[in-house]
Amino acid sequence: MKLGCIGDDFTGSSDLANTLAKGGMRVTQYSGVPKGPADASVEAGVVALKSRSID
């Protein structure tokens, strides 16, 4: 993986993942912290958190 990104919500993380994919990167978006390693072909991983809301 060349790039790891953390977003504060799903919408912003999706926007970033889309931009990276349009730029030619192989992207995986995670909903929450990943439970294991990324596939070797993934160039960018985007983690969507729920840090804007308080539960």
PDB file of N, CA and C in Angstrom:
ATOM      1  N   MET A   1       0.847  -1.173   0.000  1.00  0.00           N
ATOM      2  CA  MET A   1       0.000   0.000   0.000  1.00  0.00           C
ATOM      3  C   MET A   1       0.895   1.239   0.000  1.00  0.00           C
ATOM      4  N   LYS A   2       0.575   2.148  -0.883  1.00  0.00           N
ATOM      5  CA  LYS A   2       1.343   3.384  -0.996  1.00  0.00           C
ATOM      6  C   LYS A   2       0.774   4.507  -0.144  1.00  0.00           C
ATOM      7  N   LEU A   3      -0.545   4.491   0.082  1.00  0.00           N
ATOM      8  CA  LEU A   3      -1.208   5.602   0.757  1.00  0.00           C
ATOM      9  C   LEU A   3      -2.311   5.089   1.663  1.00  0.00           C
ATOM     10  N   GLY A   4      -2.348   5.582   2.879  1.00  0.00           N
ATOM     11  CA  GLY A   4      -3.425   5.293   3.812  1.00  0.00           C
ATOM     12  C   GLY A   4      -4.066   6.598   4.238  1.00  0.00           C
ATOM     13  N   CYS A   5      -5.396   6.645   4.238  1.00  0.00           N
ATOM     14  CA  CYS A   5      -6.130   7.873   4.568  1.00  0.00           C
ATOM     15  C   CYS A   5      -7.223   7.555   5.574  1.00  0.00           C
ATOM     16  N   ILE A   6      -7.517   8.528   6.430  1.00  0.00           N
ATOM     17  CA  ILE A   6      -8.595   8.390   7.406  1.00  0.00           C
ATOM     18  C   ILE A   6      -9.561   9.545   7.208  1.00  0.00           C
ATOM     19  N   GLY A   7     -10.843   9.214   7.049  1.00  0.00           N
ATOM     20  CA  GLY A   7     -11.885  10.225   6.914  1.00  0.00           C
ATOM     21  C   GLY A   7     -12.769  10.237   8.144  1.00  0.00           C
ATOM     22  N   ASP A   8     -13.362  11.385   8.432  1.00  0.00           N
ATOM     23  CA  ASP A   8     -14.192  11.488   9.634  1.00  0.00           C
ATOM     24  C   ASP A   8     -15.604  10.950   9.430  1.00  0.00           C
ATOM     25  N   ASP A   9     -15.996  10.723   8.177  1.00  0.00           N
ATOM     26  CA  ASP A   9     -17.302  10.126   7.913  1.00  0.00           C
ATOM     27  C   ASP A   9     -17.282   9.413   6.564  1.00  0.00           C
ATOM     28  N   PHE A  10     -18.355   8.683   6.276  1.00  0.00           N
ATOM     29  CA  PHE A  10     -18.403   7.882   5.058  1.00  0.00           C
ATOM     30  C   PHE A  10     -18.416   8.749   3.801  1.00  0.00           C
ATOM     31  N   THR A  11     -19.134   9.877   3.848  1.00  0.00           N
ATOM     32  CA  THR A  11     -19.253  10.733   2.669  1.00  0.00           C
ATOM     33  C   THR A  11     -17.912  11.304   2.236  1.00  0.00           C
ATOM     34  N   GLY A  12     -17.188  11.886   3.158  1.00  0.00           N
ATOM     35  CA  GLY A  12     -15.883  12.452   2.833  1.00  0.00           C
ATOM     36  C   GLY A  12     -14.892  11.391   2.396  1.00  0.00           C
ATOM     37  N   SER A  13     -14.944  10.239   3.034  1.00  0.00           N
ATOM     38  CA  SER A  13     -14.054   9.140   2.664  1.00  0.00           C
ATOM     39  C   SER A  13     -14.371   8.627   1.265  1.00  0.00           C
ATOM     40  N   SER A  14     -15.654   8.571   0.933  1.00  0.00           N
ATOM     41  CA  SER A  14     -16.056   8.150  -0.415  1.00  0.00           C
ATOM     42  C   SER A  14     -15.573   9.135  -1.467  1.00  0.00           C
ATOM     43  N   ASP A  15     -15.685  10.427  -1.171  1.00  0.00           N
ATOM     44  CA  ASP A  15     -15.195  11.452  -2.102  1.00  0.00           C
ATOM     45  C   ASP A  15     -13.704  11.280  -2.359  1.00  0.00           C
ATOM     46  N   LEU A  16     -12.948  11.062  -1.300  1.00  0.00           N
ATOM     47  CA  LEU A  16     -11.505  10.887  -1.443  1.00  0.00           C
ATOM     48  C   LEU A  16     -11.181   9.608  -2.216  1.00  0.00           C
ATOM     49  N   ALA A  17     -11.841   8.510  -1.875  1.00  0.00           N
ATOM     50  CA  ALA A  17     -11.601   7.240  -2.567  1.00  0.00           C
ATOM     51  C   ALA A  17     -11.907   7.377  -4.059  1.00  0.00           C
ATOM     52  N   ASN A  18     -12.981   8.074  -4.382  1.00  0.00           N
ATOM     53  CA  ASN A  18     -13.356   8.294  -5.780  1.00  0.00           C
ATOM     54  C   ASN A  18     -12.301   9.118  -6.512  1.00  0.00           C
ATOM     55  N   THR A  19     -11.810  10.161  -5.878  1.00  0.00           N
ATOM     56  CA  THR A  19     -10.778  11.003  -6.485  1.00  0.00           C
ATOM     57  C   THR A  19      -9.506  10.202  -6.751  1.00  0.00           C
ATOM     58  N   LEU A  20      -9.100   9.394  -5.784  1.00  0.00           N
ATOM     59  CA  LEU A  20      -7.899   8.572  -5.955  1.00  0.00           C
ATOM     60  C   LEU A  20      -8.082   7.547  -7.073  1.00  0.00           C
ATOM     61  N   ALA A  21      -9.263   6.939  -7.129  1.00  0.00           N
ATOM     62  CA  ALA A  21      -9.540   5.947  -8.173  1.00  0.00           C
ATOM     63  C   ALA A  21      -9.549   6.596  -9.558  1.00  0.00           C
ATOM     64  N   LYS A  22     -10.138   7.774  -9.656  1.00  0.00           N
ATOM     65  CA  LYS A  22     -10.139   8.489 -10.941  1.00  0.00           C
ATOM     66  C   LYS A  22      -8.722   8.864 -11.359  1.00  0.00           C
ATOM     67  N   GLY A  23      -7.844   9.028 -10.385  1.00  0.00           N
ATOM     68  CA  GLY A  23      -6.443   9.326 -10.666  1.00  0.00           C
ATOM     69  C   GLY A  23      -5.627   8.095 -11.032  1.00  0.00           C
ATOM     70  N   GLY A  24      -6.266   6.929 -11.017  1.00  0.00           N
ATOM     71  CA  GLY A  24      -5.592   5.715 -11.466  1.00  0.00           C
ATOM     72  C   GLY A  24      -5.123   4.775 -10.374  1.00  0.00           C
ATOM     73  N   MET A  25      -5.399   5.090  -9.110  1.00  0.00           N
ATOM     74  CA  MET A  25      -4.970   4.201  -8.026  1.00  0.00           C
ATOM     75  C   MET A  25      -6.002   3.104  -7.791  1.00  0.00           C
ATOM     76  N   ARG A  26      -5.524   1.950  -7.356  1.00  0.00           N
ATOM     77  CA  ARG A  26      -6.413   0.868  -6.925  1.00  0.00           C
ATOM     78  C   ARG A  26      -6.739   1.128  -5.457  1.00  0.00           C
ATOM     79  N   VAL A  27      -8.010   1.394  -5.181  1.00  0.00           N
ATOM     80  CA  VAL A  27      -8.439   1.887  -3.870  1.00  0.00           C
ATOM     81  C   VAL A  27      -9.403   0.907  -3.217  1.00  0.00           C
ATOM     82  N   THR A  28      -9.263   0.758  -1.911  1.00  0.00           N
ATOM     83  CA  THR A  28     -10.247   0.055  -1.099  1.00  0.00           C
ATOM     84  C   THR A  28     -10.705   1.000  -0.004  1.00  0.00           C
ATOM     85  N   GLN A  29     -12.022   1.070   0.190  1.00  0.00           N
ATOM     86  CA  GLN A  29     -12.572   1.891   1.267  1.00  0.00           C
ATOM     87  C   GLN A  29     -13.064   0.954   2.361  1.00  0.00           C
ATOM     88  N   TYR A  30     -12.707   1.267   3.581  1.00  0.00           N
ATOM     89  CA  TYR A  30     -13.099   0.475   4.744  1.00  0.00           C
ATOM     90  C   TYR A  30     -14.094   1.262   5.577  1.00  0.00           C
ATOM     91  N   SER A  31     -15.094   0.589   6.080  1.00  0.00           N
ATOM     92  CA  SER A  31     -16.032   1.200   7.010  1.00  0.00           C
ATOM     93  C   SER A  31     -15.578   0.815   8.414  1.00  0.00           C
ATOM     94  N   GLY A  32     -14.848   1.715   9.047  1.00  0.00           N
ATOM     95  CA  GLY A  32     -14.234   1.423  10.336  1.00  0.00           C
ATOM     96  C   GLY A  32     -12.826   0.881  10.143  1.00  0.00           C
ATOM     97  N   VAL A  33     -12.187   0.585  11.243  1.00  0.00           N
ATOM     98  CA  VAL A  33     -10.799   0.111  11.213  1.00  0.00           C
ATOM     99  C   VAL A  33     -10.754  -1.298  10.617  1.00  0.00           C
ATOM    100  N   PRO A  34      -9.903  -1.525   9.617  1.00  0.00           N
ATOM    101  CA  PRO A  34      -9.817  -2.855   9.003  1.00  0.00           C
ATOM    102  C   PRO A  34      -9.397  -3.919  10.016  1.00  0.00           C
ATOM    103  N   LYS A  35      -9.916  -5.114   9.831  1.00  0.00           N
ATOM    104  CA  LYS A  35      -9.620  -6.207  10.758  1.00  0.00           C
ATOM    105  C   LYS A  35      -8.397  -7.017  10.346  1.00  0.00           C
ATOM    106  N   GLY A  36      -7.886  -6.755   9.168  1.00  0.00           N
ATOM    107  CA  GLY A  36      -6.728  -7.496   8.682  1.00  0.00           C
ATOM    108  C   GLY A  36      -5.975  -6.691   7.651  1.00  0.00           C
ATOM    109  N   PRO A  37      -4.914  -7.282   7.115  1.00  0.00           N
ATOM    110  CA  PRO A  37      -4.117  -6.564   6.117  1.00  0.00           C
ATOM    111  C   PRO A  37      -4.869  -6.412   4.794  1.00  0.00           C
ATOM    112  N   ALA A  38      -4.500  -5.394   4.053  1.00  0.00           N
ATOM    113  CA  ALA A  38      -5.095  -5.155   2.739  1.00  0.00           C
ATOM    114  C   ALA A  38      -4.528  -6.134   1.723  1.00  0.00           C
ATOM    115  N   ASP A  39      -5.277  -6.375   0.679  1.00  0.00           N
ATOM    116  CA  ASP A  39      -4.799  -7.182  -0.436  1.00  0.00           C
ATOM    117  C   ASP A  39      -3.566  -6.512  -1.036  1.00  0.00           C
ATOM    118  N   ALA A  40      -2.653  -7.297  -1.537  1.00  0.00           N
ATOM    119  CA  ALA A  40      -1.392  -6.770  -2.068  1.00  0.00           C
ATOM    120  C   ALA A  40      -1.584  -5.827  -3.248  1.00  0.00           C
ATOM    121  N   SER A  41      -2.706  -5.924  -3.953  1.00  0.00           N
ATOM    122  CA  SER A  41      -2.932  -5.071  -5.122  1.00  0.00           C
ATOM    123  C   SER A  41      -3.455  -3.680  -4.764  1.00  0.00           C
ATOM    124  N   VAL A  42      -3.846  -3.473  -3.515  1.00  0.00           N
ATOM    125  CA  VAL A  42      -4.397  -2.177  -3.097  1.00  0.00           C
ATOM    126  C   VAL A  42      -3.277  -1.148  -2.995  1.00  0.00           C
ATOM    127  N   GLU A  43      -3.460  -0.015  -3.670  1.00  0.00           N
ATOM    128  CA  GLU A  43      -2.478   1.068  -3.620  1.00  0.00           C
ATOM    129  C   GLU A  43      -2.847   2.134  -2.596  1.00  0.00           C
ATOM    130  N   ALA A  44      -4.145   2.295  -2.339  1.00  0.00           N
ATOM    131  CA  ALA A  44      -4.600   3.285  -1.363  1.00  0.00           C
ATOM    132  C   ALA A  44      -5.753   2.707  -0.557  1.00  0.00           C
ATOM    133  N   GLY A  45      -5.681   2.866   0.743  1.00  0.00           N
ATOM    134  CA  GLY A  45      -6.754   2.442   1.627  1.00  0.00           C
ATOM    135  C   GLY A  45      -7.347   3.657   2.309  1.00  0.00           C
ATOM    136  N   VAL A  46      -8.674   3.773   2.258  1.00  0.00           N
ATOM    137  CA  VAL A  46      -9.369   4.902   2.872  1.00  0.00           C
ATOM    138  C   VAL A  46     -10.277   4.345   3.964  1.00  0.00           C
ATOM    139  N   VAL A  47     -10.072   4.787   5.193  1.00  0.00           N
ATOM    140  CA  VAL A  47     -10.847   4.321   6.339  1.00  0.00           C
ATOM    141  C   VAL A  47     -11.888   5.377   6.685  1.00  0.00           C
ATOM    142  N   ALA A  48     -13.159   4.989   6.668  1.00  0.00           N
ATOM    143  CA  ALA A  48     -14.257   5.888   7.031  1.00  0.00           C
ATOM    144  C   ALA A  48     -14.615   5.651   8.494  1.00  0.00           C
ATOM    145  N   LEU A  49     -14.451   6.671   9.307  1.00  0.00           N
ATOM    146  CA  LEU A  49     -14.800   6.591  10.724  1.00  0.00           C
ATOM    147  C   LEU A  49     -16.086   7.364  10.987  1.00  0.00           C
ATOM    148  N   LYS A  50     -16.602   7.258  12.198  1.00  0.00           N
ATOM    149  CA  LYS A  50     -17.770   8.039  12.604  1.00  0.00           C
ATOM    150  C   LYS A  50     -17.342   9.045  13.664  1.00  0.00           C
ATOM    151  N   SER A  51     -16.280   9.775  13.396  1.00  0.00           N
ATOM    152  CA  SER A  51     -15.748  10.670  14.417  1.00  0.00           C
ATOM    153  C   SER A  51     -16.507  11.987  14.529  1.00  0.00           C
ATOM    154  N   ARG A  52     -17.431  12.266  13.622  1.00  0.00           N
ATOM    155  CA  ARG A  52     -18.223  13.501  13.718  1.00  0.00           C
ATOM    156  C   ARG A  52     -19.391  13.365  14.678  1.00  0.00           C
ATOM    157  N   SER A  53     -19.884  12.151  14.834  1.00  0.00           N
ATOM    158  CA  SER A  53     -21.060  11.955  15.682  1.00  0.00           C
ATOM    159  C   SER A  53     -20.662  11.381  17.033  1.00  0.00           C
ATOM    160  N   ILE A  54     -21.462  11.698  18.016  1.00  0.00           N
ATOM    161  CA  ILE A  54     -21.234  11.184  19.369  1.00  0.00           C
ATOM    162  C   ILE A  54     -22.380  10.244  19.699  1.00  0.00           C
ATOM    163  N   ASP A  55     -22.042   9.006  20.018  1.00  0.00           N
ATOM    164  CA  ASP A  55     -23.074   8.018  20.367  1.00  0.00           C
ATOM    165  C   ASP A  55     -23.224   7.910  21.860  1.00  0.00           C
TER     166      ASP A  55
END
